[in-house]
Amino acid sequence: MNPLVIIAVVVSGVILFRYVIKTTEKQTREDEEKWANRQFARILAKRTTQSEQILFESLERGKKILPPDFKNAVLQYELQPSAQGQKRILKTLIVSFADAESSVQKTMEWLDLPAEIRNEILNTGQPVQRGFSW
């Protein structure tokens, strides 16, 4: 077989692999943001006169409809021990207001995390927190 054909096939494979990884990572980050926006809208709807759907759509468009007592929101990812030896993550959205704090939790698979969060958990051994610009 021609060496140039082999090189072309290998290079094409590498380029395709990198594209798939980047696309998957982008989708993972978008899924995380959508989940956080949905949960945040649910929490806000309990404290405002706006519906959850209106709040969610506003957050998805980048518009903020925040009550005056809103302080901050943080997503935390924490590695959970598992009997089967599989890595599982407890994801928690923590929303702070002047007089209270609300949170929502979800268990997720290790590989469903964005790569930068997996790497940080592996490097530090600690839970990872990410703030949001709401």
N, C-alpha and C. Protein backbone atom coordinates (compact mmCIF):
# COMPACT_ATOMS: atom_id res chain seq x y z
N MET A 1 0.85 -1.18 0.00
CA MET A 1 0.00 0.00 0.00
C MET A 1 0.90 1.23 0.00
N ASN A 2 0.46 2.23 -0.68
CA ASN A 2 1.21 3.48 -0.82
C ASN A 2 1.33 4.18 0.54
N PRO A 3 2.56 4.57 0.95
CA PRO A 3 2.76 5.25 2.23
C PRO A 3 1.97 6.56 2.34
N LEU A 4 1.78 7.25 1.23
CA LEU A 4 1.01 8.51 1.28
C LEU A 4 -0.45 8.25 1.61
N VAL A 5 -0.98 7.14 1.13
CA VAL A 5 -2.37 6.78 1.43
C VAL A 5 -2.50 6.46 2.92
N ILE A 6 -1.54 5.74 3.45
CA ILE A 6 -1.55 5.40 4.88
C ILE A 6 -1.48 6.67 5.72
N ILE A 7 -0.60 7.57 5.38
CA ILE A 7 -0.47 8.84 6.12
C ILE A 7 -1.77 9.63 6.02
N ALA A 8 -2.36 9.70 4.84
CA ALA A 8 -3.61 10.44 4.66
C ALA A 8 -4.73 9.84 5.50
N VAL A 9 -4.81 8.52 5.55
CA VAL A 9 -5.84 7.85 6.36
C VAL A 9 -5.63 8.14 7.84
N VAL A 10 -4.39 8.05 8.31
CA VAL A 10 -4.09 8.31 9.73
C VAL A 10 -4.41 9.75 10.09
N VAL A 11 -3.97 10.69 9.27
CA VAL A 11 -4.22 12.11 9.54
C VAL A 11 -5.73 12.38 9.54
N SER A 12 -6.44 11.83 8.58
CA SER A 12 -7.90 12.00 8.53
C SER A 12 -8.55 11.44 9.79
N GLY A 13 -8.08 10.29 10.24
CA GLY A 13 -8.61 9.68 11.47
C GLY A 13 -8.38 10.55 12.68
N VAL A 14 -7.19 11.11 12.78
CA VAL A 14 -6.86 11.99 13.92
C VAL A 14 -7.73 13.24 13.90
N ILE A 15 -7.90 13.84 12.73
CA ILE A 15 -8.73 15.04 12.61
C ILE A 15 -10.18 14.72 12.97
N LEU A 16 -10.70 13.62 12.49
CA LEU A 16 -12.07 13.22 12.80
C LEU A 16 -12.23 12.96 14.29
N PHE A 17 -11.27 12.28 14.89
CA PHE A 17 -11.31 11.98 16.33
C PHE A 17 -11.34 13.27 17.14
N ARG A 18 -10.48 14.23 16.79
CA ARG A 18 -10.44 15.51 17.52
C ARG A 18 -11.76 16.26 17.36
N TYR A 19 -12.34 16.22 16.17
CA TYR A 19 -13.63 16.88 15.93
C TYR A 19 -14.72 16.25 16.80
N VAL A 20 -14.76 14.93 16.86
CA VAL A 20 -15.78 14.24 17.67
C VAL A 20 -15.61 14.59 19.14
N ILE A 21 -14.38 14.61 19.63
CA ILE A 21 -14.12 14.95 21.03
C ILE A 21 -14.57 16.38 21.33
N LYS A 22 -14.21 17.33 20.48
CA LYS A 22 -14.60 18.73 20.69
C LYS A 22 -16.11 18.89 20.64
N THR A 23 -16.75 18.23 19.71
CA THR A 23 -18.21 18.32 19.58
C THR A 23 -18.88 17.73 20.81
N THR A 24 -18.39 16.60 21.29
CA THR A 24 -18.95 15.95 22.47
C THR A 24 -18.77 16.84 23.70
N GLU A 25 -17.58 17.42 23.86
CA GLU A 25 -17.33 18.31 25.00
C GLU A 25 -18.24 19.52 24.97
N LYS A 26 -18.43 20.09 23.78
CA LYS A 26 -19.31 21.26 23.66
C LYS A 26 -20.73 20.88 24.04
N GLN A 27 -21.21 19.74 23.57
CA GLN A 27 -22.56 19.29 23.90
C GLN A 27 -22.69 19.02 25.40
N THR A 28 -21.67 18.45 26.01
CA THR A 28 -21.68 18.17 27.45
C THR A 28 -21.81 19.48 28.23
N ARG A 29 -21.04 20.49 27.85
CA ARG A 29 -21.12 21.79 28.54
C ARG A 29 -22.50 22.42 28.35
N GLU A 30 -23.04 22.32 27.13
CA GLU A 30 -24.38 22.88 26.87
C GLU A 30 -25.44 22.14 27.69
N ASP A 31 -25.33 20.83 27.80
CA ASP A 31 -26.28 20.05 28.60
C ASP A 31 -26.21 20.45 30.07
N GLU A 32 -24.99 20.66 30.57
CA GLU A 32 -24.81 21.08 31.96
C GLU A 32 -25.46 22.45 32.20
N GLU A 33 -25.23 23.36 31.27
CA GLU A 33 -25.80 24.70 31.41
C GLU A 33 -27.33 24.66 31.35
N LYS A 34 -27.86 23.86 30.45
CA LYS A 34 -29.32 23.74 30.33
C LYS A 34 -29.92 23.15 31.60
N TRP A 35 -29.29 22.11 32.16
CA TRP A 35 -29.78 21.52 33.41
C TRP A 35 -29.76 22.57 34.52
N ALA A 36 -28.66 23.30 34.64
CA ALA A 36 -28.55 24.31 35.69
C ALA A 36 -29.59 25.41 35.49
N ASN A 37 -29.78 25.86 34.26
CA ASN A 37 -30.79 26.89 33.99
C ASN A 37 -32.19 26.40 34.34
N ARG A 38 -32.49 25.15 34.01
CA ARG A 38 -33.81 24.59 34.33
C ARG A 38 -34.03 24.55 35.84
N GLN A 39 -33.03 24.07 36.57
CA GLN A 39 -33.16 23.98 38.02
C GLN A 39 -33.21 25.36 38.67
N PHE A 40 -32.40 26.26 38.16
CA PHE A 40 -32.38 27.63 38.67
C PHE A 40 -33.75 28.29 38.45
N ALA A 41 -34.33 28.10 37.28
CA ALA A 41 -35.65 28.65 36.99
C ALA A 41 -36.70 28.07 37.94
N ARG A 42 -36.59 26.79 38.23
CA ARG A 42 -37.53 26.13 39.16
C ARG A 42 -37.43 26.76 40.55
N ILE A 43 -36.21 27.00 41.01
CA ILE A 43 -36.01 27.62 42.32
C ILE A 43 -36.52 29.06 42.32
N LEU A 44 -36.19 29.81 41.28
CA LEU A 44 -36.63 31.21 41.20
C LEU A 44 -38.15 31.33 41.13
N ALA A 45 -38.80 30.41 40.44
CA ALA A 45 -40.26 30.48 40.29
C ALA A 45 -40.97 30.41 41.64
N LYS A 46 -40.33 29.75 42.59
CA LYS A 46 -40.91 29.65 43.93
C LYS A 46 -40.80 30.97 44.71
N ARG A 47 -39.90 31.86 44.24
CA ARG A 47 -39.66 33.12 44.96
C ARG A 47 -40.13 34.35 44.20
N THR A 48 -40.65 34.16 43.00
CA THR A 48 -41.11 35.30 42.19
C THR A 48 -42.51 35.02 41.67
N THR A 49 -43.05 35.97 40.95
CA THR A 49 -44.38 35.80 40.34
C THR A 49 -44.26 35.26 38.91
N GLN A 50 -43.04 35.08 38.41
CA GLN A 50 -42.82 34.58 37.06
C GLN A 50 -42.96 33.06 37.03
N SER A 51 -43.40 32.53 35.88
CA SER A 51 -43.50 31.08 35.75
C SER A 51 -42.11 30.49 35.52
N GLU A 52 -42.00 29.21 35.83
CA GLU A 52 -40.73 28.50 35.62
C GLU A 52 -40.31 28.54 34.16
N GLN A 53 -41.27 28.36 33.25
CA GLN A 53 -40.96 28.33 31.83
C GLN A 53 -40.44 29.68 31.34
N ILE A 54 -41.07 30.77 31.75
CA ILE A 54 -40.62 32.10 31.35
C ILE A 54 -39.22 32.37 31.89
N LEU A 55 -38.99 32.00 33.13
CA LEU A 55 -37.66 32.19 33.72
C LEU A 55 -36.62 31.36 32.98
N PHE A 56 -36.95 30.11 32.67
CA PHE A 56 -36.01 29.24 31.96
C PHE A 56 -35.68 29.81 30.58
N GLU A 57 -36.70 30.22 29.84
CA GLU A 57 -36.46 30.77 28.51
C GLU A 57 -35.62 32.04 28.58
N SER A 58 -35.84 32.85 29.59
CA SER A 58 -35.03 34.07 29.76
C SER A 58 -33.57 33.71 30.03
N LEU A 59 -33.35 32.73 30.89
CA LEU A 59 -31.98 32.30 31.19
C LEU A 59 -31.31 31.73 29.95
N GLU A 60 -32.04 30.96 29.17
CA GLU A 60 -31.48 30.38 27.95
C GLU A 60 -31.09 31.46 26.93
N ARG A 61 -31.82 32.56 26.94
CA ARG A 61 -31.50 33.68 26.04
C ARG A 61 -30.45 34.61 26.64
N GLY A 62 -30.03 34.33 27.86
CA GLY A 62 -29.00 35.16 28.49
C GLY A 62 -29.55 36.37 29.24
N LYS A 63 -30.87 36.42 29.41
CA LYS A 63 -31.48 37.52 30.14
C LYS A 63 -31.68 37.10 31.59
N LYS A 64 -31.42 38.03 32.48
CA LYS A 64 -31.54 37.74 33.90
C LYS A 64 -32.83 38.35 34.45
N ILE A 65 -33.63 37.51 35.09
CA ILE A 65 -34.78 37.98 35.85
C ILE A 65 -34.54 37.48 37.27
N LEU A 66 -33.85 38.28 38.04
CA LEU A 66 -33.44 37.85 39.38
C LEU A 66 -34.15 38.67 40.45
N PRO A 67 -34.56 38.00 41.53
CA PRO A 67 -35.15 38.77 42.63
C PRO A 67 -34.06 39.58 43.32
N PRO A 68 -34.42 40.67 43.98
CA PRO A 68 -33.41 41.53 44.61
C PRO A 68 -32.60 40.85 45.71
N ASP A 69 -33.15 39.79 46.31
CA ASP A 69 -32.43 39.13 47.40
C ASP A 69 -31.50 38.00 46.92
N PHE A 70 -31.38 37.81 45.58
CA PHE A 70 -30.47 36.79 45.03
C PHE A 70 -29.03 37.17 45.33
N LYS A 71 -28.24 36.19 45.82
CA LYS A 71 -26.83 36.44 46.11
C LYS A 71 -25.93 35.76 45.08
N ASN A 72 -26.01 34.44 44.96
CA ASN A 72 -25.18 33.73 43.98
C ASN A 72 -25.69 32.31 43.75
N ALA A 73 -25.11 31.68 42.73
CA ALA A 73 -25.43 30.29 42.39
C ALA A 73 -24.14 29.57 42.04
N VAL A 74 -24.01 28.35 42.52
CA VAL A 74 -22.80 27.57 42.31
C VAL A 74 -23.18 26.14 41.95
N LEU A 75 -22.47 25.58 40.98
CA LEU A 75 -22.60 24.16 40.68
C LEU A 75 -21.42 23.45 41.32
N GLN A 76 -21.69 22.40 42.07
CA GLN A 76 -20.62 21.63 42.72
C GLN A 76 -20.67 20.19 42.22
N TYR A 77 -19.50 19.66 41.93
CA TYR A 77 -19.36 18.27 41.47
C TYR A 77 -18.50 17.54 42.50
N GLU A 78 -19.04 16.44 43.03
CA GLU A 78 -18.31 15.69 44.05
C GLU A 78 -18.30 14.20 43.71
N LEU A 79 -17.12 13.62 43.75
CA LEU A 79 -16.96 12.19 43.48
C LEU A 79 -17.60 11.39 44.61
N GLN A 80 -18.43 10.42 44.24
CA GLN A 80 -19.13 9.59 45.21
C GLN A 80 -18.60 8.16 45.14
N PRO A 81 -18.33 7.56 46.30
CA PRO A 81 -17.89 6.16 46.27
C PRO A 81 -19.02 5.26 45.78
N SER A 82 -18.64 4.20 45.11
CA SER A 82 -19.63 3.27 44.58
C SER A 82 -19.18 1.85 44.86
N ALA A 83 -20.13 0.99 45.19
CA ALA A 83 -19.81 -0.41 45.51
C ALA A 83 -19.21 -1.15 44.33
N GLN A 84 -19.61 -0.78 43.13
CA GLN A 84 -19.12 -1.47 41.94
C GLN A 84 -17.77 -0.93 41.47
N GLY A 85 -17.24 0.07 42.13
CA GLY A 85 -15.97 0.66 41.74
C GLY A 85 -16.09 1.66 40.60
N GLN A 86 -17.31 1.93 40.15
CA GLN A 86 -17.51 2.91 39.10
C GLN A 86 -17.48 4.31 39.71
N LYS A 87 -16.97 5.25 38.94
CA LYS A 87 -16.94 6.62 39.41
C LYS A 87 -18.29 7.27 39.11
N ARG A 88 -18.92 7.75 40.16
CA ARG A 88 -20.18 8.47 40.03
C ARG A 88 -20.01 9.84 40.66
N ILE A 89 -20.76 10.79 40.16
CA ILE A 89 -20.64 12.17 40.60
C ILE A 89 -21.97 12.63 41.17
N LEU A 90 -21.90 13.34 42.29
CA LEU A 90 -23.08 14.02 42.82
C LEU A 90 -22.95 15.48 42.40
N LYS A 91 -23.89 15.90 41.55
CA LYS A 91 -23.90 17.27 41.06
C LYS A 91 -24.93 18.02 41.90
N THR A 92 -24.55 19.20 42.43
CA THR A 92 -25.44 19.99 43.26
C THR A 92 -25.45 21.43 42.77
N LEU A 93 -26.63 21.96 42.51
CA LEU A 93 -26.79 23.39 42.24
C LEU A 93 -27.20 24.03 43.55
N ILE A 94 -26.40 24.99 44.02
CA ILE A 94 -26.67 25.68 45.28
C ILE A 94 -26.97 27.14 44.94
N VAL A 95 -28.16 27.60 45.32
CA VAL A 95 -28.59 28.96 45.04
C VAL A 95 -28.77 29.68 46.38
N SER A 96 -28.09 30.80 46.54
CA SER A 96 -28.15 31.55 47.79
C SER A 96 -28.93 32.85 47.62
N PHE A 97 -29.80 33.08 48.58
CA PHE A 97 -30.56 34.32 48.67
C PHE A 97 -30.17 34.99 49.99
N ALA A 98 -30.63 36.20 50.20
CA ALA A 98 -30.28 36.93 51.43
C ALA A 98 -30.75 36.18 52.68
N ASP A 99 -31.89 35.50 52.59
CA ASP A 99 -32.47 34.88 53.78
C ASP A 99 -32.50 33.35 53.74
N ALA A 100 -32.05 32.74 52.65
CA ALA A 100 -32.16 31.28 52.54
C ALA A 100 -31.22 30.74 51.47
N GLU A 101 -31.13 29.41 51.46
CA GLU A 101 -30.34 28.73 50.44
C GLU A 101 -31.17 27.56 49.94
N SER A 102 -31.16 27.34 48.63
CA SER A 102 -31.87 26.21 48.03
C SER A 102 -30.86 25.39 47.24
N SER A 103 -31.11 24.09 47.16
CA SER A 103 -30.21 23.26 46.37
C SER A 103 -30.99 22.14 45.68
N VAL A 104 -30.41 21.66 44.59
CA VAL A 104 -30.95 20.55 43.81
C VAL A 104 -29.78 19.63 43.51
N GLN A 105 -30.00 18.33 43.67
CA GLN A 105 -28.92 17.38 43.43
C GLN A 105 -29.31 16.37 42.36
N LYS A 106 -28.27 15.87 41.69
CA LYS A 106 -28.46 14.83 40.68
C LYS A 106 -27.20 13.98 40.65
N THR A 107 -27.37 12.67 40.61
CA THR A 107 -26.24 11.76 40.45
C THR A 107 -26.02 11.55 38.96
N MET A 108 -24.75 11.57 38.56
CA MET A 108 -24.44 11.40 37.14
C MET A 108 -23.22 10.51 36.97
N GLU A 109 -23.04 10.03 35.78
CA GLU A 109 -21.90 9.17 35.47
C GLU A 109 -20.64 10.01 35.26
N TRP A 110 -19.51 9.45 35.60
CA TRP A 110 -18.22 10.11 35.49
C TRP A 110 -17.96 10.64 34.08
N LEU A 111 -18.21 9.82 33.07
CA LEU A 111 -17.91 10.21 31.70
C LEU A 111 -18.87 11.25 31.14
N ASP A 112 -19.95 11.53 31.86
CA ASP A 112 -20.89 12.57 31.43
C ASP A 112 -20.45 13.96 31.86
N LEU A 113 -19.37 14.04 32.63
CA LEU A 113 -18.83 15.33 33.07
C LEU A 113 -17.99 15.96 31.97
N PRO A 114 -17.94 17.29 31.93
CA PRO A 114 -16.97 17.93 31.05
C PRO A 114 -15.55 17.52 31.45
N ALA A 115 -14.67 17.38 30.47
CA ALA A 115 -13.31 16.90 30.72
C ALA A 115 -12.55 17.76 31.72
N GLU A 116 -12.73 19.09 31.67
CA GLU A 116 -11.96 19.94 32.59
C GLU A 116 -12.37 19.70 34.04
N ILE A 117 -13.63 19.34 34.28
CA ILE A 117 -14.06 19.05 35.65
C ILE A 117 -13.53 17.70 36.10
N ARG A 118 -13.57 16.70 35.21
CA ARG A 118 -12.97 15.39 35.55
C ARG A 118 -11.50 15.55 35.91
N ASN A 119 -10.77 16.32 35.08
CA ASN A 119 -9.34 16.52 35.33
C ASN A 119 -9.10 17.21 36.67
N GLU A 120 -9.90 18.21 36.98
CA GLU A 120 -9.70 18.93 38.24
C GLU A 120 -9.99 18.03 39.44
N ILE A 121 -11.03 17.21 39.35
CA ILE A 121 -11.33 16.28 40.44
C ILE A 121 -10.18 15.30 40.61
N LEU A 122 -9.65 14.77 39.50
CA LEU A 122 -8.52 13.83 39.58
C LEU A 122 -7.28 14.50 40.14
N ASN A 123 -7.01 15.74 39.74
CA ASN A 123 -5.80 16.43 40.19
C ASN A 123 -5.86 16.87 41.64
N THR A 124 -7.03 17.28 42.11
CA THR A 124 -7.13 17.82 43.48
C THR A 124 -7.69 16.83 44.47
N GLY A 125 -8.50 15.89 44.01
CA GLY A 125 -9.16 14.97 44.92
C GLY A 125 -10.27 15.64 45.72
N GLN A 126 -10.63 16.86 45.35
CA GLN A 126 -11.63 17.64 46.08
C GLN A 126 -12.85 17.91 45.20
N PRO A 127 -13.99 18.24 45.83
CA PRO A 127 -15.14 18.66 45.03
C PRO A 127 -14.78 19.91 44.22
N VAL A 128 -15.39 20.06 43.08
CA VAL A 128 -15.14 21.19 42.19
C VAL A 128 -16.39 22.06 42.15
N GLN A 129 -16.18 23.37 42.29
CA GLN A 129 -17.30 24.30 42.21
C GLN A 129 -17.12 25.23 41.03
N ARG A 130 -18.24 25.54 40.38
CA ARG A 130 -18.25 26.48 39.26
C ARG A 130 -19.36 27.49 39.52
N GLY A 131 -19.01 28.76 39.48
CA GLY A 131 -20.00 29.81 39.63
C GLY A 131 -20.68 30.09 38.31
N PHE A 132 -21.82 30.74 38.38
CA PHE A 132 -22.55 31.15 37.19
C PHE A 132 -22.71 32.65 37.20
N SER A 133 -22.85 33.22 36.03
CA SER A 133 -22.94 34.67 35.90
C SER A 133 -24.38 35.15 35.83
N TRP A 134 -25.27 34.50 36.55
CA TRP A 134 -26.67 34.90 36.52
C TRP A 134 -26.84 36.25 37.16
